[in-house]
Amino acid sequence: MYLYDGSLHIATLDPVPVNREGTEVHIEHFSPTAIVTQHKMEISKLALVEMVYFVAENFTSVQAISLSLSRQVEGYGDGMRLAGARSAFLQSLGAGNIMISPKPNAEHMGHFIVSGLWEYNPVNLQSLASVLESERELYYASRVDFASAEEARRPGLGAWMRRFMPKAVPRGDEGKG
């Protein structure tokens, strides 16, 4: 599954396991693209919600989406705090059966996997739509700031050419000093 913002590819979810009956999909780790990583764009919440919403809206046979959040996030020294935030986020989407388990990897001590099950029903769909709207607003507000910051750092039109052109002498100053 590929996630785009217009023509900008921002993340990939691969694989997307589906149970034999086609009624349950599993969403786990997605990979942000290099542009997202380089610019430290915060898209993880929006990406998750977009993917769940896309599946819920476009695949009528899917009745449940299992979610597993385990990607390590820089800046979160306290694994339990991150696990708690992830648990609350999954609850806000309408997910249930949320479990927090230690990650069984010695390299990531203190890191936890948060999993849950989002089931298709009107109440959960409404919760999901509400969170999606909120996350889109946050993303586009930060994206506007990102775009304006990029624009502020970028030299104006013609600045590149002006560096190579000799400075013009103001009219009336010819022959002076």
N, C-alpha and C. Protein backbone atom coordinates (compact mmCIF):
# COMPACT_ATOMS: atom_id res chain seq x y z
N MET A 1 0.86 -1.16 0.00
CA MET A 1 0.00 0.00 0.00
C MET A 1 0.91 1.22 0.00
N TYR A 2 0.63 2.17 -0.88
CA TYR A 2 1.43 3.38 -1.00
C TYR A 2 0.58 4.57 -0.56
N LEU A 3 1.19 5.45 0.22
CA LEU A 3 0.50 6.63 0.72
C LEU A 3 1.11 7.86 0.05
N TYR A 4 0.26 8.67 -0.57
CA TYR A 4 0.69 9.87 -1.28
C TYR A 4 0.03 11.11 -0.70
N ASP A 5 0.74 12.22 -0.78
CA ASP A 5 0.18 13.54 -0.53
C ASP A 5 0.25 14.23 -1.88
N GLY A 6 -0.84 14.20 -2.62
CA GLY A 6 -0.80 14.67 -4.00
C GLY A 6 0.11 13.76 -4.80
N SER A 7 1.15 14.31 -5.40
CA SER A 7 2.08 13.48 -6.16
C SER A 7 3.30 13.06 -5.32
N LEU A 8 3.37 13.51 -4.09
CA LEU A 8 4.50 13.20 -3.21
C LEU A 8 4.28 11.86 -2.49
N HIS A 9 5.12 10.88 -2.79
CA HIS A 9 5.04 9.58 -2.14
C HIS A 9 5.64 9.74 -0.74
N ILE A 10 4.83 9.48 0.32
CA ILE A 10 5.33 9.73 1.66
C ILE A 10 5.52 8.47 2.50
N ALA A 11 4.89 7.35 2.13
CA ALA A 11 5.09 6.13 2.92
C ALA A 11 4.61 4.90 2.15
N THR A 12 5.15 3.76 2.56
CA THR A 12 4.76 2.48 1.98
C THR A 12 4.47 1.50 3.11
N LEU A 13 3.40 0.75 2.97
CA LEU A 13 3.06 -0.32 3.91
C LEU A 13 3.18 -1.62 3.13
N ASP A 14 4.17 -2.41 3.51
CA ASP A 14 4.41 -3.66 2.79
C ASP A 14 5.02 -4.67 3.75
N PRO A 15 4.39 -5.79 3.94
CA PRO A 15 3.20 -6.31 3.28
C PRO A 15 1.93 -5.85 3.97
N VAL A 16 0.81 -6.17 3.36
CA VAL A 16 -0.50 -5.93 3.95
C VAL A 16 -1.19 -7.30 4.04
N PRO A 17 -0.96 -8.01 5.14
CA PRO A 17 -1.55 -9.36 5.26
C PRO A 17 -3.07 -9.31 5.40
N VAL A 18 -3.72 -10.23 4.71
CA VAL A 18 -5.17 -10.38 4.75
C VAL A 18 -5.46 -11.83 5.11
N ASN A 19 -6.43 -12.05 6.00
CA ASN A 19 -6.73 -13.44 6.36
C ASN A 19 -7.37 -14.17 5.17
N ARG A 20 -7.45 -15.47 5.28
CA ARG A 20 -7.91 -16.33 4.18
C ARG A 20 -9.31 -15.96 3.70
N GLU A 21 -10.17 -15.55 4.60
CA GLU A 21 -11.55 -15.21 4.23
C GLU A 21 -11.66 -13.80 3.65
N GLY A 22 -10.62 -13.00 3.79
CA GLY A 22 -10.65 -11.63 3.29
C GLY A 22 -11.42 -10.69 4.18
N THR A 23 -11.62 -11.08 5.44
CA THR A 23 -12.42 -10.25 6.35
C THR A 23 -11.58 -9.45 7.35
N GLU A 24 -10.29 -9.77 7.44
CA GLU A 24 -9.42 -9.04 8.37
C GLU A 24 -8.09 -8.71 7.71
N VAL A 25 -7.66 -7.48 7.91
CA VAL A 25 -6.39 -6.97 7.39
C VAL A 25 -5.51 -6.62 8.58
N HIS A 26 -4.22 -6.80 8.41
CA HIS A 26 -3.28 -6.45 9.48
C HIS A 26 -2.41 -5.28 9.02
N ILE A 27 -2.34 -4.25 9.84
CA ILE A 27 -1.49 -3.09 9.55
C ILE A 27 -0.45 -3.01 10.65
N GLU A 28 0.80 -3.01 10.22
CA GLU A 28 1.88 -2.94 11.20
C GLU A 28 2.83 -1.82 10.83
N HIS A 29 4.01 -2.15 10.45
CA HIS A 29 5.05 -1.14 10.24
C HIS A 29 4.99 -0.59 8.82
N PHE A 30 4.96 0.73 8.71
CA PHE A 30 5.06 1.35 7.40
C PHE A 30 6.42 2.02 7.32
N SER A 31 6.87 2.23 6.11
CA SER A 31 8.18 2.85 5.90
C SER A 31 8.00 4.23 5.28
N PRO A 32 8.39 5.28 6.02
CA PRO A 32 8.33 6.61 5.43
C PRO A 32 9.40 6.74 4.35
N THR A 33 9.14 7.56 3.35
CA THR A 33 10.11 7.77 2.27
C THR A 33 11.24 8.67 2.76
N ALA A 34 12.28 8.76 1.96
CA ALA A 34 13.46 9.56 2.32
C ALA A 34 13.11 11.03 2.55
N ILE A 35 12.23 11.59 1.74
CA ILE A 35 11.87 13.01 1.90
C ILE A 35 11.22 13.26 3.26
N VAL A 36 10.40 12.33 3.70
CA VAL A 36 9.74 12.45 5.01
C VAL A 36 10.78 12.38 6.11
N THR A 37 11.69 11.44 6.00
CA THR A 37 12.74 11.25 7.00
C THR A 37 13.68 12.45 7.03
N GLN A 38 14.11 12.92 5.86
CA GLN A 38 15.05 14.04 5.79
C GLN A 38 14.48 15.31 6.40
N HIS A 39 13.22 15.55 6.16
CA HIS A 39 12.59 16.79 6.65
C HIS A 39 11.90 16.60 7.99
N LYS A 40 12.05 15.39 8.57
CA LYS A 40 11.49 15.09 9.88
C LYS A 40 10.00 15.45 9.96
N MET A 41 9.29 15.10 8.88
CA MET A 41 7.85 15.34 8.85
C MET A 41 7.17 14.30 9.73
N GLU A 42 6.30 14.74 10.59
CA GLU A 42 5.59 13.84 11.50
C GLU A 42 4.31 13.36 10.81
N ILE A 43 4.37 12.14 10.29
CA ILE A 43 3.22 11.62 9.55
C ILE A 43 2.68 10.31 10.10
N SER A 44 3.28 9.77 11.15
CA SER A 44 2.92 8.42 11.58
C SER A 44 1.45 8.28 11.96
N LYS A 45 0.91 9.20 12.72
CA LYS A 45 -0.49 9.11 13.12
C LYS A 45 -1.40 9.24 11.90
N LEU A 46 -1.13 10.25 11.08
CA LEU A 46 -1.95 10.47 9.89
C LEU A 46 -1.86 9.27 8.96
N ALA A 47 -0.67 8.73 8.75
CA ALA A 47 -0.51 7.58 7.86
C ALA A 47 -1.34 6.41 8.35
N LEU A 48 -1.29 6.13 9.63
CA LEU A 48 -2.05 5.02 10.19
C LEU A 48 -3.55 5.22 9.97
N VAL A 49 -4.03 6.40 10.29
CA VAL A 49 -5.46 6.67 10.16
C VAL A 49 -5.89 6.64 8.70
N GLU A 50 -5.08 7.20 7.81
CA GLU A 50 -5.40 7.18 6.38
C GLU A 50 -5.51 5.75 5.87
N MET A 51 -4.57 4.89 6.29
CA MET A 51 -4.58 3.50 5.82
C MET A 51 -5.80 2.75 6.34
N VAL A 52 -6.12 2.91 7.62
CA VAL A 52 -7.29 2.24 8.19
C VAL A 52 -8.56 2.74 7.49
N TYR A 53 -8.65 4.05 7.31
CA TYR A 53 -9.84 4.62 6.68
C TYR A 53 -9.98 4.14 5.23
N PHE A 54 -8.87 4.09 4.51
CA PHE A 54 -8.89 3.64 3.12
C PHE A 54 -9.42 2.21 3.03
N VAL A 55 -8.91 1.34 3.87
CA VAL A 55 -9.36 -0.06 3.86
C VAL A 55 -10.84 -0.13 4.24
N ALA A 56 -11.23 0.57 5.30
CA ALA A 56 -12.62 0.53 5.77
C ALA A 56 -13.61 1.03 4.70
N GLU A 57 -13.22 2.05 3.97
CA GLU A 57 -14.11 2.64 2.98
C GLU A 57 -14.13 1.90 1.64
N ASN A 58 -13.05 1.21 1.31
CA ASN A 58 -12.93 0.65 -0.04
C ASN A 58 -13.03 -0.87 -0.14
N PHE A 59 -12.98 -1.56 0.96
CA PHE A 59 -13.02 -3.02 0.92
C PHE A 59 -14.15 -3.51 1.82
N THR A 60 -15.29 -3.72 1.21
CA THR A 60 -16.50 -4.04 1.98
C THR A 60 -16.44 -5.38 2.68
N SER A 61 -15.60 -6.29 2.21
CA SER A 61 -15.51 -7.60 2.88
C SER A 61 -14.72 -7.53 4.18
N VAL A 62 -13.91 -6.47 4.35
CA VAL A 62 -13.09 -6.35 5.56
C VAL A 62 -13.97 -5.90 6.72
N GLN A 63 -13.99 -6.70 7.77
CA GLN A 63 -14.79 -6.40 8.94
C GLN A 63 -13.95 -5.97 10.14
N ALA A 64 -12.63 -6.24 10.07
CA ALA A 64 -11.75 -5.87 11.18
C ALA A 64 -10.35 -5.59 10.65
N ILE A 65 -9.69 -4.68 11.34
CA ILE A 65 -8.31 -4.34 11.00
C ILE A 65 -7.49 -4.45 12.28
N SER A 66 -6.56 -5.40 12.28
CA SER A 66 -5.68 -5.52 13.45
C SER A 66 -4.51 -4.57 13.25
N LEU A 67 -4.12 -3.95 14.33
CA LEU A 67 -3.06 -2.93 14.30
C LEU A 67 -1.97 -3.31 15.28
N SER A 68 -0.75 -3.10 14.87
CA SER A 68 0.39 -3.37 15.75
C SER A 68 1.39 -2.24 15.57
N LEU A 69 1.64 -1.49 16.64
CA LEU A 69 2.54 -0.35 16.59
C LEU A 69 3.80 -0.68 17.38
N SER A 70 4.90 -0.78 16.66
CA SER A 70 6.14 -1.17 17.34
C SER A 70 7.36 -0.40 16.88
N ARG A 71 7.20 0.48 15.92
CA ARG A 71 8.35 1.21 15.40
C ARG A 71 8.92 2.11 16.48
N GLN A 72 10.24 2.08 16.62
CA GLN A 72 10.90 2.92 17.61
C GLN A 72 10.87 4.36 17.14
N VAL A 73 10.59 5.27 18.03
CA VAL A 73 10.48 6.68 17.70
C VAL A 73 11.55 7.44 18.46
N GLU A 74 12.32 8.26 17.72
CA GLU A 74 13.34 9.08 18.37
C GLU A 74 12.66 10.11 19.26
N GLY A 75 13.30 10.44 20.34
CA GLY A 75 12.77 11.48 21.22
C GLY A 75 11.88 10.93 22.32
N TYR A 76 11.59 9.65 22.31
CA TYR A 76 10.79 9.04 23.37
C TYR A 76 11.70 8.14 24.18
N GLY A 77 12.29 8.69 25.21
CA GLY A 77 13.16 7.90 26.07
C GLY A 77 12.38 6.97 26.96
N ASP A 78 11.17 7.33 27.28
CA ASP A 78 10.34 6.53 28.16
C ASP A 78 9.39 5.68 27.33
N GLY A 79 9.71 4.39 27.20
CA GLY A 79 8.91 3.48 26.39
C GLY A 79 7.48 3.34 26.87
N MET A 80 7.28 3.38 28.18
CA MET A 80 5.92 3.25 28.70
C MET A 80 5.08 4.47 28.35
N ARG A 81 5.69 5.65 28.35
CA ARG A 81 4.96 6.86 27.98
C ARG A 81 4.51 6.78 26.52
N LEU A 82 5.42 6.31 25.65
CA LEU A 82 5.09 6.14 24.24
C LEU A 82 3.99 5.09 24.08
N ALA A 83 4.11 3.98 24.79
CA ALA A 83 3.10 2.92 24.71
C ALA A 83 1.74 3.44 25.17
N GLY A 84 1.72 4.24 26.22
CA GLY A 84 0.47 4.82 26.70
C GLY A 84 -0.15 5.76 25.68
N ALA A 85 0.68 6.56 25.03
CA ALA A 85 0.18 7.49 24.00
C ALA A 85 -0.37 6.71 22.80
N ARG A 86 0.32 5.65 22.43
CA ARG A 86 -0.15 4.82 21.31
C ARG A 86 -1.47 4.13 21.67
N SER A 87 -1.56 3.64 22.88
CA SER A 87 -2.78 2.98 23.33
C SER A 87 -3.96 3.95 23.29
N ALA A 88 -3.76 5.16 23.79
CA ALA A 88 -4.81 6.18 23.77
C ALA A 88 -5.20 6.54 22.34
N PHE A 89 -4.21 6.59 21.44
CA PHE A 89 -4.50 6.92 20.05
C PHE A 89 -5.35 5.82 19.41
N LEU A 90 -4.98 4.56 19.63
CA LEU A 90 -5.78 3.47 19.08
C LEU A 90 -7.21 3.50 19.63
N GLN A 91 -7.35 3.81 20.91
CA GLN A 91 -8.69 3.93 21.49
C GLN A 91 -9.48 5.04 20.82
N SER A 92 -8.82 6.16 20.51
CA SER A 92 -9.52 7.27 19.87
C SER A 92 -10.05 6.90 18.48
N LEU A 93 -9.41 5.91 17.83
CA LEU A 93 -9.87 5.45 16.51
C LEU A 93 -11.08 4.52 16.62
N GLY A 94 -11.32 4.02 17.83
CA GLY A 94 -12.39 3.06 18.04
C GLY A 94 -11.87 1.64 18.18
N ALA A 95 -10.56 1.47 18.26
CA ALA A 95 -9.99 0.13 18.41
C ALA A 95 -10.24 -0.39 19.82
N GLY A 96 -10.36 -1.70 19.91
CA GLY A 96 -10.54 -2.36 21.19
C GLY A 96 -9.51 -3.47 21.34
N ASN A 97 -9.66 -4.23 22.40
CA ASN A 97 -8.72 -5.33 22.68
C ASN A 97 -7.27 -4.85 22.63
N ILE A 98 -7.01 -3.69 23.18
CA ILE A 98 -5.66 -3.11 23.12
C ILE A 98 -4.76 -3.77 24.14
N MET A 99 -3.60 -4.18 23.66
CA MET A 99 -2.61 -4.83 24.52
C MET A 99 -1.27 -4.14 24.37
N ILE A 100 -0.56 -4.00 25.49
CA ILE A 100 0.79 -3.45 25.50
C ILE A 100 1.71 -4.57 25.96
N SER A 101 2.68 -4.94 25.11
CA SER A 101 3.60 -6.03 25.45
C SER A 101 5.03 -5.58 25.23
N PRO A 102 5.94 -6.07 26.05
CA PRO A 102 7.35 -5.73 25.84
C PRO A 102 7.83 -6.27 24.49
N LYS A 103 8.67 -5.49 23.85
CA LYS A 103 9.23 -5.94 22.57
C LYS A 103 10.32 -6.97 22.88
N PRO A 104 10.24 -8.14 22.28
CA PRO A 104 11.16 -9.22 22.64
C PRO A 104 12.54 -9.11 21.98
N ASN A 105 13.06 -7.90 21.88
CA ASN A 105 14.35 -7.70 21.24
C ASN A 105 15.27 -7.01 22.25
N ALA A 106 16.37 -7.64 22.58
CA ALA A 106 17.29 -7.10 23.59
C ALA A 106 17.84 -5.74 23.18
N GLU A 107 17.93 -5.47 21.89
CA GLU A 107 18.43 -4.17 21.42
C GLU A 107 17.48 -3.04 21.78
N HIS A 108 16.23 -3.35 21.98
CA HIS A 108 15.21 -2.33 22.23
C HIS A 108 14.56 -2.52 23.59
N MET A 109 15.39 -2.69 24.59
CA MET A 109 14.86 -2.86 25.95
C MET A 109 14.04 -1.63 26.33
N GLY A 110 12.95 -1.85 27.02
CA GLY A 110 12.10 -0.73 27.42
C GLY A 110 11.18 -0.25 26.31
N HIS A 111 11.15 -0.98 25.21
CA HIS A 111 10.30 -0.62 24.09
C HIS A 111 9.13 -1.60 24.04
N PHE A 112 7.96 -1.12 23.67
CA PHE A 112 6.76 -1.94 23.74
C PHE A 112 6.02 -1.98 22.41
N ILE A 113 5.31 -3.07 22.20
CA ILE A 113 4.41 -3.22 21.06
C ILE A 113 3.01 -2.94 21.57
N VAL A 114 2.30 -2.08 20.87
CA VAL A 114 0.91 -1.79 21.23
C VAL A 114 0.06 -2.31 20.08
N SER A 115 -0.88 -3.20 20.42
CA SER A 115 -1.72 -3.78 19.38
C SER A 115 -3.19 -3.61 19.77
N GLY A 116 -4.03 -3.63 18.75
CA GLY A 116 -5.46 -3.51 18.98
C GLY A 116 -6.23 -3.99 17.76
N LEU A 117 -7.54 -4.00 17.87
CA LEU A 117 -8.39 -4.47 16.79
C LEU A 117 -9.47 -3.41 16.54
N TRP A 118 -9.47 -2.90 15.30
CA TRP A 118 -10.50 -1.95 14.89
C TRP A 118 -11.55 -2.76 14.13
N GLU A 119 -12.79 -2.75 14.64
CA GLU A 119 -13.86 -3.48 14.00
C GLU A 119 -14.80 -2.52 13.29
N TYR A 120 -15.23 -2.94 12.10
CA TYR A 120 -16.10 -2.10 11.28
C TYR A 120 -17.49 -2.04 11.89
N ASN A 121 -17.88 -0.85 12.32
CA ASN A 121 -19.24 -0.58 12.77
C ASN A 121 -19.43 0.93 12.71
N PRO A 122 -20.67 1.42 12.74
CA PRO A 122 -20.91 2.86 12.57
C PRO A 122 -20.21 3.73 13.62
N VAL A 123 -20.17 3.29 14.87
CA VAL A 123 -19.55 4.09 15.93
C VAL A 123 -18.04 4.20 15.68
N ASN A 124 -17.39 3.08 15.37
CA ASN A 124 -15.95 3.11 15.11
C ASN A 124 -15.62 3.89 13.85
N LEU A 125 -16.47 3.78 12.83
CA LEU A 125 -16.25 4.53 11.59
C LEU A 125 -16.33 6.02 11.86
N GLN A 126 -17.27 6.43 12.71
CA GLN A 126 -17.40 7.85 13.07
C GLN A 126 -16.16 8.32 13.85
N SER A 127 -15.70 7.50 14.80
CA SER A 127 -14.49 7.85 15.56
C SER A 127 -13.29 7.99 14.62
N LEU A 128 -13.18 7.04 13.71
CA LEU A 128 -12.08 7.06 12.75
C LEU A 128 -12.13 8.31 11.87
N ALA A 129 -13.30 8.65 11.37
CA ALA A 129 -13.46 9.83 10.52
C ALA A 129 -13.11 11.11 11.28
N SER A 130 -13.50 11.17 12.54
CA SER A 130 -13.21 12.35 13.35
C SER A 130 -11.71 12.52 13.58
N VAL A 131 -11.03 11.42 13.91
CA VAL A 131 -9.58 11.48 14.11
C VAL A 131 -8.88 11.79 12.80
N LEU A 132 -9.37 11.24 11.70
CA LEU A 132 -8.77 11.51 10.39
C LEU A 132 -8.83 13.00 10.07
N GLU A 133 -9.98 13.59 10.29
CA GLU A 133 -10.14 15.03 10.02
C GLU A 133 -9.16 15.85 10.88
N SER A 134 -9.05 15.51 12.15
CA SER A 134 -8.16 16.21 13.06
C SER A 134 -6.69 16.04 12.64
N GLU A 135 -6.29 14.82 12.31
CA GLU A 135 -4.90 14.57 11.91
C GLU A 135 -4.56 15.24 10.59
N ARG A 136 -5.51 15.29 9.67
CA ARG A 136 -5.28 16.00 8.40
C ARG A 136 -5.07 17.48 8.65
N GLU A 137 -5.88 18.07 9.52
CA GLU A 137 -5.72 19.49 9.85
C GLU A 137 -4.34 19.76 10.44
N LEU A 138 -3.91 18.93 11.37
CA LEU A 138 -2.58 19.09 11.98
C LEU A 138 -1.47 18.95 10.94
N TYR A 139 -1.60 17.95 10.09
CA TYR A 139 -0.59 17.71 9.05
C TYR A 139 -0.49 18.88 8.10
N TYR A 140 -1.64 19.33 7.58
CA TYR A 140 -1.59 20.41 6.59
C TYR A 140 -1.19 21.74 7.22
N ALA A 141 -1.49 21.94 8.49
CA ALA A 141 -1.02 23.15 9.16
C ALA A 141 0.50 23.12 9.28
N SER A 142 1.06 21.98 9.63
CA SER A 142 2.52 21.89 9.73
C SER A 142 3.15 21.88 8.36
N ARG A 143 2.46 21.33 7.38
CA ARG A 143 2.97 21.29 6.00
C ARG A 143 3.06 22.70 5.44
N VAL A 144 2.08 23.54 5.76
CA VAL A 144 2.12 24.93 5.32
C VAL A 144 3.32 25.61 5.95
N ASP A 145 3.54 25.38 7.25
CA ASP A 145 4.70 25.96 7.92
C ASP A 145 5.98 25.45 7.29
N PHE A 146 6.02 24.15 6.97
CA PHE A 146 7.18 23.55 6.33
C PHE A 146 7.42 24.21 4.98
N ALA A 147 6.35 24.38 4.21
CA ALA A 147 6.48 24.97 2.88
C ALA A 147 6.94 26.42 2.97
N SER A 148 6.39 27.19 3.91
CA SER A 148 6.78 28.60 4.02
C SER A 148 8.22 28.72 4.52
N ALA A 149 8.65 27.81 5.40
CA ALA A 149 10.05 27.83 5.86
C ALA A 149 10.98 27.52 4.71
N GLU A 150 10.61 26.57 3.86
CA GLU A 150 11.43 26.24 2.69
C GLU A 150 11.49 27.45 1.76
N GLU A 151 10.34 28.10 1.57
CA GLU A 151 10.28 29.25 0.68
C GLU A 151 11.13 30.40 1.23
N ALA A 152 11.14 30.60 2.54
CA ALA A 152 11.92 31.68 3.15
C ALA A 152 13.42 31.44 2.97
N ARG A 153 13.83 30.18 2.99
CA ARG A 153 15.25 29.87 2.82
C ARG A 153 15.68 29.93 1.36
N ARG A 154 14.73 29.79 0.46
CA ARG A 154 15.04 29.75 -0.96
C ARG A 154 15.27 31.17 -1.48
N PRO A 155 16.34 31.40 -2.21
CA PRO A 155 16.57 32.74 -2.76
C PRO A 155 15.47 33.10 -3.76
N GLY A 156 15.24 34.38 -3.92
CA GLY A 156 14.21 34.83 -4.84
C GLY A 156 14.53 34.51 -6.28
N LEU A 157 13.54 34.66 -7.12
CA LEU A 157 13.69 34.39 -8.55
C LEU A 157 14.79 35.27 -9.12
N GLY A 158 15.70 34.68 -9.82
CA GLY A 158 16.78 35.44 -10.44
C GLY A 158 17.99 35.64 -9.54
N ALA A 159 17.92 35.24 -8.26
CA ALA A 159 19.04 35.45 -7.34
C ALA A 159 20.27 34.70 -7.81
N TRP A 160 20.07 33.52 -8.36
CA TRP A 160 21.19 32.72 -8.85
C TRP A 160 21.91 33.45 -9.97
N MET A 161 21.14 34.03 -10.88
CA MET A 161 21.75 34.75 -12.00
C MET A 161 22.42 36.03 -11.53
N ARG A 162 21.85 36.72 -10.56
CA ARG A 162 22.42 37.99 -10.10
C ARG A 162 23.81 37.79 -9.50
N ARG A 163 24.10 36.61 -8.97
CA ARG A 163 25.42 36.37 -8.39
C ARG A 163 26.50 36.44 -9.45
N PHE A 164 26.15 36.13 -10.69
CA PHE A 164 27.14 36.11 -11.76
C PHE A 164 27.16 37.38 -12.60
N MET A 165 26.26 38.28 -12.35
CA MET A 165 26.20 39.53 -13.12
C MET A 165 26.96 40.61 -12.37
N PRO A 166 27.70 41.43 -13.09
CA PRO A 166 28.39 42.54 -12.41
C PRO A 166 27.36 43.53 -11.87
N LYS A 167 27.72 44.15 -10.76
CA LYS A 167 26.82 45.13 -10.16
C LYS A 167 26.68 46.30 -11.12
N ALA A 168 25.46 46.71 -11.32
CA ALA A 168 25.20 47.84 -12.22
C ALA A 168 25.55 49.13 -11.49
N VAL A 169 26.09 50.05 -12.22
CA VAL A 169 26.39 51.35 -11.66
C VAL A 169 25.14 52.20 -11.81
N PRO A 170 24.68 52.82 -10.71
CA PRO A 170 23.46 53.64 -10.81
C PRO A 170 23.60 54.75 -11.82
N ARG A 171 22.52 55.08 -12.51
CA ARG A 171 22.53 56.15 -13.52
C ARG A 171 22.93 57.47 -12.88
N GLY A 172 23.71 58.19 -13.62
CA GLY A 172 24.16 59.49 -13.12
C GLY A 172 25.47 59.38 -12.35
N ASP A 173 25.87 58.14 -12.04
CA ASP A 173 27.12 57.95 -11.31
C ASP A 173 28.25 57.52 -12.24
N GLU A 174 28.00 57.50 -13.56
CA GLU A 174 29.05 57.08 -14.47
C GLU A 174 30.20 58.07 -14.38
N GLY A 175 31.38 57.58 -14.38
CA GLY A 175 32.57 58.43 -14.37
C GLY A 175 32.97 58.89 -13.00
N LYS A 176 32.15 58.66 -11.98
CA LYS A 176 32.53 59.05 -10.63
C LYS A 176 33.32 57.93 -10.02
N GLY A 177 34.29 58.26 -9.24
CA GLY A 177 35.13 57.50 -8.51
C GLY A 177 35.51 56.19 -8.47
